[in-house]
Amino acid sequence: MSKKINYADEPTEAQVIEDFLAPPETLAFREEGIKVTLAPSKKSVDFFKAEAGKRHTQ
């Protein structure tokens, strides 16, 4: 990228384009969430951590 860019001082013509996209709330459906509390045993947590480590994931 050693080539130098030369810009010209020419007038630019701009025009306003109407918004033609649908609003986001009509495009993406929001699912209802449910809060869950778990209390796994230490043995279960250690098992899943070991399996995640074998597969290089969280």
PDB file of N, CA and C in Angstrom:
ATOM      1  N   MET A   1       0.822  -1.171   0.000  1.00  0.00           N
ATOM      2  CA  MET A   1       0.000   0.000   0.000  1.00  0.00           C
ATOM      3  C   MET A   1       0.877   1.249   0.000  1.00  0.00           C
ATOM      4  N   SER A   2       1.872   1.263  -0.838  1.00  0.00           N
ATOM      5  CA  SER A   2       2.728   2.437  -0.903  1.00  0.00           C
ATOM      6  C   SER A   2       2.207   3.464  -1.895  1.00  0.00           C
ATOM      7  N   LYS A   3       1.189   3.110  -2.670  1.00  0.00           N
ATOM      8  CA  LYS A   3       0.618   4.053  -3.631  1.00  0.00           C
ATOM      9  C   LYS A   3      -0.190   5.113  -2.890  1.00  0.00           C
ATOM     10  N   LYS A   4       0.047   6.364  -3.214  1.00  0.00           N
ATOM     11  CA  LYS A   4      -0.610   7.476  -2.550  1.00  0.00           C
ATOM     12  C   LYS A   4      -1.961   7.742  -3.205  1.00  0.00           C
ATOM     13  N   ILE A   5      -2.966   8.049  -2.404  1.00  0.00           N
ATOM     14  CA  ILE A   5      -4.304   8.346  -2.897  1.00  0.00           C
ATOM     15  C   ILE A   5      -4.433   9.852  -3.055  1.00  0.00           C
ATOM     16  N   ASN A   6      -4.867  10.285  -4.231  1.00  0.00           N
ATOM     17  CA  ASN A   6      -5.098  11.699  -4.485  1.00  0.00           C
ATOM     18  C   ASN A   6      -6.596  11.949  -4.536  1.00  0.00           C
ATOM     19  N   TYR A   7      -7.073  12.849  -3.701  1.00  0.00           N
ATOM     20  CA  TYR A   7      -8.483  13.184  -3.653  1.00  0.00           C
ATOM     21  C   TYR A   7      -8.734  14.478  -4.423  1.00  0.00           C
ATOM     22  N   ALA A   8      -9.833  14.531  -5.122  1.00  0.00           N
ATOM     23  CA  ALA A   8     -10.192  15.739  -5.867  1.00  0.00           C
ATOM     24  C   ALA A   8     -11.229  16.526  -5.074  1.00  0.00           C
ATOM     25  N   ASP A   9     -11.169  17.824  -5.162  1.00  0.00           N
ATOM     26  CA  ASP A   9     -12.134  18.673  -4.475  1.00  0.00           C
ATOM     27  C   ASP A   9     -13.336  18.922  -5.381  1.00  0.00           C
ATOM     28  N   GLU A  10     -14.037  17.852  -5.693  1.00  0.00           N
ATOM     29  CA  GLU A  10     -15.208  17.957  -6.556  1.00  0.00           C
ATOM     30  C   GLU A  10     -16.469  17.952  -5.704  1.00  0.00           C
ATOM     31  N   PRO A  11     -17.487  18.674  -6.134  1.00  0.00           N
ATOM     32  CA  PRO A  11     -18.746  18.646  -5.372  1.00  0.00           C
ATOM     33  C   PRO A  11     -19.405  17.271  -5.476  1.00  0.00           C
ATOM     34  N   THR A  12     -19.994  16.839  -4.396  1.00  0.00           N
ATOM     35  CA  THR A  12     -20.690  15.554  -4.392  1.00  0.00           C
ATOM     36  C   THR A  12     -22.186  15.806  -4.303  1.00  0.00           C
ATOM     37  N   GLU A  13     -22.943  14.957  -4.957  1.00  0.00           N
ATOM     38  CA  GLU A  13     -24.391  15.068  -4.914  1.00  0.00           C
ATOM     39  C   GLU A  13     -24.929  13.988  -3.989  1.00  0.00           C
ATOM     40  N   ALA A  14     -25.676  14.407  -2.999  1.00  0.00           N
ATOM     41  CA  ALA A  14     -26.252  13.456  -2.051  1.00  0.00           C
ATOM     42  C   ALA A  14     -27.765  13.489  -2.168  1.00  0.00           C
ATOM     43  N   GLN A  15     -28.366  12.336  -1.965  1.00  0.00           N
ATOM     44  CA  GLN A  15     -29.822  12.287  -1.983  1.00  0.00           C
ATOM     45  C   GLN A  15     -30.302  11.434  -0.821  1.00  0.00           C
ATOM     46  N   VAL A  16     -31.474  11.759  -0.305  1.00  0.00           N
ATOM     47  CA  VAL A  16     -32.048  11.041   0.824  1.00  0.00           C
ATOM     48  C   VAL A  16     -32.823   9.840   0.286  1.00  0.00           C
ATOM     49  N   ILE A  17     -32.551   8.686   0.856  1.00  0.00           N
ATOM     50  CA  ILE A  17     -33.250   7.462   0.479  1.00  0.00           C
ATOM     51  C   ILE A  17     -34.206   7.110   1.605  1.00  0.00           C
ATOM     52  N   GLU A  18     -35.446   6.822   1.264  1.00  0.00           N
ATOM     53  CA  GLU A  18     -36.450   6.469   2.270  1.00  0.00           C
ATOM     54  C   GLU A  18     -36.058   5.165   2.961  1.00  0.00           C
ATOM     55  N   ASP A  19     -36.428   5.066   4.223  1.00  0.00           N
ATOM     56  CA  ASP A  19     -36.174   3.854   4.991  1.00  0.00           C
ATOM     57  C   ASP A  19     -37.121   2.762   4.492  1.00  0.00           C
ATOM     58  N   PHE A  20     -36.560   1.720   3.892  1.00  0.00           N
ATOM     59  CA  PHE A  20     -37.384   0.671   3.309  1.00  0.00           C
ATOM     60  C   PHE A  20     -37.347  -0.622   4.123  1.00  0.00           C
ATOM     61  N   LEU A  21     -36.573  -0.657   5.195  1.00  0.00           N
ATOM     62  CA  LEU A  21     -36.487  -1.859   6.025  1.00  0.00           C
ATOM     63  C   LEU A  21     -37.618  -1.889   7.041  1.00  0.00           C
ATOM     64  N   ALA A  22     -38.045  -3.096   7.355  1.00  0.00           N
ATOM     65  CA  ALA A  22     -39.068  -3.272   8.388  1.00  0.00           C
ATOM     66  C   ALA A  22     -38.436  -3.014   9.754  1.00  0.00           C
ATOM     67  N   PRO A  23     -39.225  -2.587  10.746  1.00  0.00           N
ATOM     68  CA  PRO A  23     -38.657  -2.366  12.077  1.00  0.00           C
ATOM     69  C   PRO A  23     -38.152  -3.686  12.682  1.00  0.00           C
ATOM     70  N   PRO A  24     -37.105  -3.628  13.493  1.00  0.00           N
ATOM     71  CA  PRO A  24     -36.499  -4.846  14.045  1.00  0.00           C
ATOM     72  C   PRO A  24     -37.482  -5.722  14.821  1.00  0.00           C
ATOM     73  N   GLU A  25     -38.435  -5.112  15.537  1.00  0.00           N
ATOM     74  CA  GLU A  25     -39.361  -5.930  16.342  1.00  0.00           C
ATOM     75  C   GLU A  25     -40.254  -6.813  15.468  1.00  0.00           C
ATOM     76  N   THR A  26     -40.418  -6.484  14.198  1.00  0.00           N
ATOM     77  CA  THR A  26     -41.212  -7.340  13.315  1.00  0.00           C
ATOM     78  C   THR A  26     -40.360  -8.410  12.644  1.00  0.00           C
ATOM     79  N   LEU A  27     -39.035  -8.252  12.688  1.00  0.00           N
ATOM     80  CA  LEU A  27     -38.145  -9.215  12.042  1.00  0.00           C
ATOM     81  C   LEU A  27     -37.707 -10.329  12.985  1.00  0.00           C
ATOM     82  N   ALA A  28     -37.464 -10.019  14.236  1.00  0.00           N
ATOM     83  CA  ALA A  28     -36.961 -11.003  15.198  1.00  0.00           C
ATOM     84  C   ALA A  28     -38.012 -11.250  16.270  1.00  0.00           C
ATOM     85  N   PHE A  29     -38.366 -12.507  16.429  1.00  0.00           N
ATOM     86  CA  PHE A  29     -39.332 -12.866  17.455  1.00  0.00           C
ATOM     87  C   PHE A  29     -38.609 -13.081  18.771  1.00  0.00           C
ATOM     88  N   ARG A  30     -39.123 -12.483  19.821  1.00  0.00           N
ATOM     89  CA  ARG A  30     -38.501 -12.616  21.132  1.00  0.00           C
ATOM     90  C   ARG A  30     -39.223 -13.710  21.906  1.00  0.00           C
ATOM     91  N   GLU A  31     -38.450 -14.679  22.374  1.00  0.00           N
ATOM     92  CA  GLU A  31     -39.032 -15.768  23.152  1.00  0.00           C
ATOM     93  C   GLU A  31     -39.053 -15.400  24.627  1.00  0.00           C
ATOM     94  N   GLU A  32     -40.037 -15.925  25.311  1.00  0.00           N
ATOM     95  CA  GLU A  32     -40.146 -15.688  26.743  1.00  0.00           C
ATOM     96  C   GLU A  32     -39.069 -16.491  27.465  1.00  0.00           C
ATOM     97  N   GLY A  33     -38.352 -15.849  28.366  1.00  0.00           N
ATOM     98  CA  GLY A  33     -37.302 -16.520  29.116  1.00  0.00           C
ATOM     99  C   GLY A  33     -37.802 -17.014  30.461  1.00  0.00           C
ATOM    100  N   ILE A  34     -37.156 -18.068  30.942  1.00  0.00           N
ATOM    101  CA  ILE A  34     -37.494 -18.635  32.248  1.00  0.00           C
ATOM    102  C   ILE A  34     -36.210 -18.687  33.066  1.00  0.00           C
ATOM    103  N   LYS A  35     -36.245 -18.150  34.268  1.00  0.00           N
ATOM    104  CA  LYS A  35     -35.087 -18.173  35.140  1.00  0.00           C
ATOM    105  C   LYS A  35     -35.074 -19.492  35.910  1.00  0.00           C
ATOM    106  N   VAL A  36     -33.918 -20.164  35.872  1.00  0.00           N
ATOM    107  CA  VAL A  36     -33.775 -21.462  36.531  1.00  0.00           C
ATOM    108  C   VAL A  36     -32.567 -21.406  37.453  1.00  0.00           C
ATOM    109  N   THR A  37     -32.722 -21.895  38.653  1.00  0.00           N
ATOM    110  CA  THR A  37     -31.619 -21.984  39.600  1.00  0.00           C
ATOM    111  C   THR A  37     -31.300 -23.452  39.817  1.00  0.00           C
ATOM    112  N   LEU A  38     -30.027 -23.809  39.650  1.00  0.00           N
ATOM    113  CA  LEU A  38     -29.589 -25.192  39.838  1.00  0.00           C
ATOM    114  C   LEU A  38     -28.584 -25.249  40.978  1.00  0.00           C
ATOM    115  N   ALA A  39     -28.543 -26.373  41.635  1.00  0.00           N
ATOM    116  CA  ALA A  39     -27.553 -26.602  42.687  1.00  0.00           C
ATOM    117  C   ALA A  39     -26.929 -27.980  42.459  1.00  0.00           C
ATOM    118  N   PRO A  40     -26.045 -28.097  41.439  1.00  0.00           N
ATOM    119  CA  PRO A  40     -25.432 -29.401  41.168  1.00  0.00           C
ATOM    120  C   PRO A  40     -24.397 -29.746  42.242  1.00  0.00           C
ATOM    121  N   SER A  41     -24.141 -31.034  42.362  1.00  0.00           N
ATOM    122  CA  SER A  41     -23.140 -31.469  43.335  1.00  0.00           C
ATOM    123  C   SER A  41     -21.742 -31.154  42.817  1.00  0.00           C
ATOM    124  N   LYS A  42     -20.774 -31.126  43.709  1.00  0.00           N
ATOM    125  CA  LYS A  42     -19.390 -30.856  43.320  1.00  0.00           C
ATOM    126  C   LYS A  42     -18.901 -31.924  42.350  1.00  0.00           C
ATOM    127  N   LYS A  43     -19.331 -33.145  42.550  1.00  0.00           N
ATOM    128  CA  LYS A  43     -18.933 -34.244  41.672  1.00  0.00           C
ATOM    129  C   LYS A  43     -19.431 -34.000  40.243  1.00  0.00           C
ATOM    130  N   SER A  44     -20.662 -33.520  40.099  1.00  0.00           N
ATOM    131  CA  SER A  44     -21.223 -33.233  38.770  1.00  0.00           C
ATOM    132  C   SER A  44     -20.471 -32.099  38.087  1.00  0.00           C
ATOM    133  N   VAL A  45     -20.184 -31.038  38.841  1.00  0.00           N
ATOM    134  CA  VAL A  45     -19.467 -29.901  38.278  1.00  0.00           C
ATOM    135  C   VAL A  45     -18.073 -30.318  37.831  1.00  0.00           C
ATOM    136  N   ASP A  46     -17.381 -31.097  38.632  1.00  0.00           N
ATOM    137  CA  ASP A  46     -16.042 -31.578  38.282  1.00  0.00           C
ATOM    138  C   ASP A  46     -16.088 -32.439  37.018  1.00  0.00           C
ATOM    139  N   PHE A  47     -17.127 -33.276  36.889  1.00  0.00           N
ATOM    140  CA  PHE A  47     -17.283 -34.114  35.701  1.00  0.00           C
ATOM    141  C   PHE A  47     -17.417 -33.252  34.445  1.00  0.00           C
ATOM    142  N   PHE A  48     -18.310 -32.253  34.483  1.00  0.00           N
ATOM    143  CA  PHE A  48     -18.536 -31.424  33.302  1.00  0.00           C
ATOM    144  C   PHE A  48     -17.319 -30.564  32.973  1.00  0.00           C
ATOM    145  N   LYS A  49     -16.600 -30.102  33.989  1.00  0.00           N
ATOM    146  CA  LYS A  49     -15.380 -29.345  33.742  1.00  0.00           C
ATOM    147  C   LYS A  49     -14.329 -30.222  33.066  1.00  0.00           C
ATOM    148  N   ALA A  50     -14.224 -31.461  33.502  1.00  0.00           N
ATOM    149  CA  ALA A  50     -13.259 -32.393  32.896  1.00  0.00           C
ATOM    150  C   ALA A  50     -13.641 -32.688  31.437  1.00  0.00           C
ATOM    151  N   GLU A  51     -14.915 -32.903  31.176  1.00  0.00           N
ATOM    152  CA  GLU A  51     -15.379 -33.159  29.804  1.00  0.00           C
ATOM    153  C   GLU A  51     -15.156 -31.942  28.922  1.00  0.00           C
ATOM    154  N   ALA A  52     -15.398 -30.744  29.441  1.00  0.00           N
ATOM    155  CA  ALA A  52     -15.166 -29.522  28.678  1.00  0.00           C
ATOM    156  C   ALA A  52     -13.694 -29.365  28.371  1.00  0.00           C
ATOM    157  N   GLY A  53     -12.838 -29.715  29.315  1.00  0.00           N
ATOM    158  CA  GLY A  53     -11.398 -29.631  29.097  1.00  0.00           C
ATOM    159  C   GLY A  53     -10.937 -30.595  28.015  1.00  0.00           C
ATOM    160  N   LYS A  54     -11.520 -31.787  27.952  1.00  0.00           N
ATOM    161  CA  LYS A  54     -11.168 -32.760  26.911  1.00  0.00           C
ATOM    162  C   LYS A  54     -11.557 -32.248  25.530  1.00  0.00           C
ATOM    163  N   ARG A  55     -12.634 -31.492  25.468  1.00  0.00           N
ATOM    164  CA  ARG A  55     -13.148 -31.002  24.173  1.00  0.00           C
ATOM    165  C   ARG A  55     -12.732 -29.564  23.879  1.00  0.00           C
ATOM    166  N   HIS A  56     -11.876 -29.004  24.737  1.00  0.00           N
ATOM    167  CA  HIS A  56     -11.363 -27.633  24.570  1.00  0.00           C
ATOM    168  C   HIS A  56     -12.508 -26.625  24.416  1.00  0.00           C
ATOM    169  N   THR A  57     -13.469 -26.690  25.320  1.00  0.00           N
ATOM    170  CA  THR A  57     -14.596 -25.758  25.320  1.00  0.00           C
ATOM    171  C   THR A  57     -14.881 -25.320  26.737  1.00  0.00           C
ATOM    172  N   GLN A  58     -15.781 -24.372  26.891  1.00  0.00           N
ATOM    173  CA  GLN A  58     -16.144 -23.912  28.244  1.00  0.00           C
ATOM    174  C   GLN A  58     -17.183 -24.814  28.845  1.00  0.00           C
TER     175      GLN A  58
END
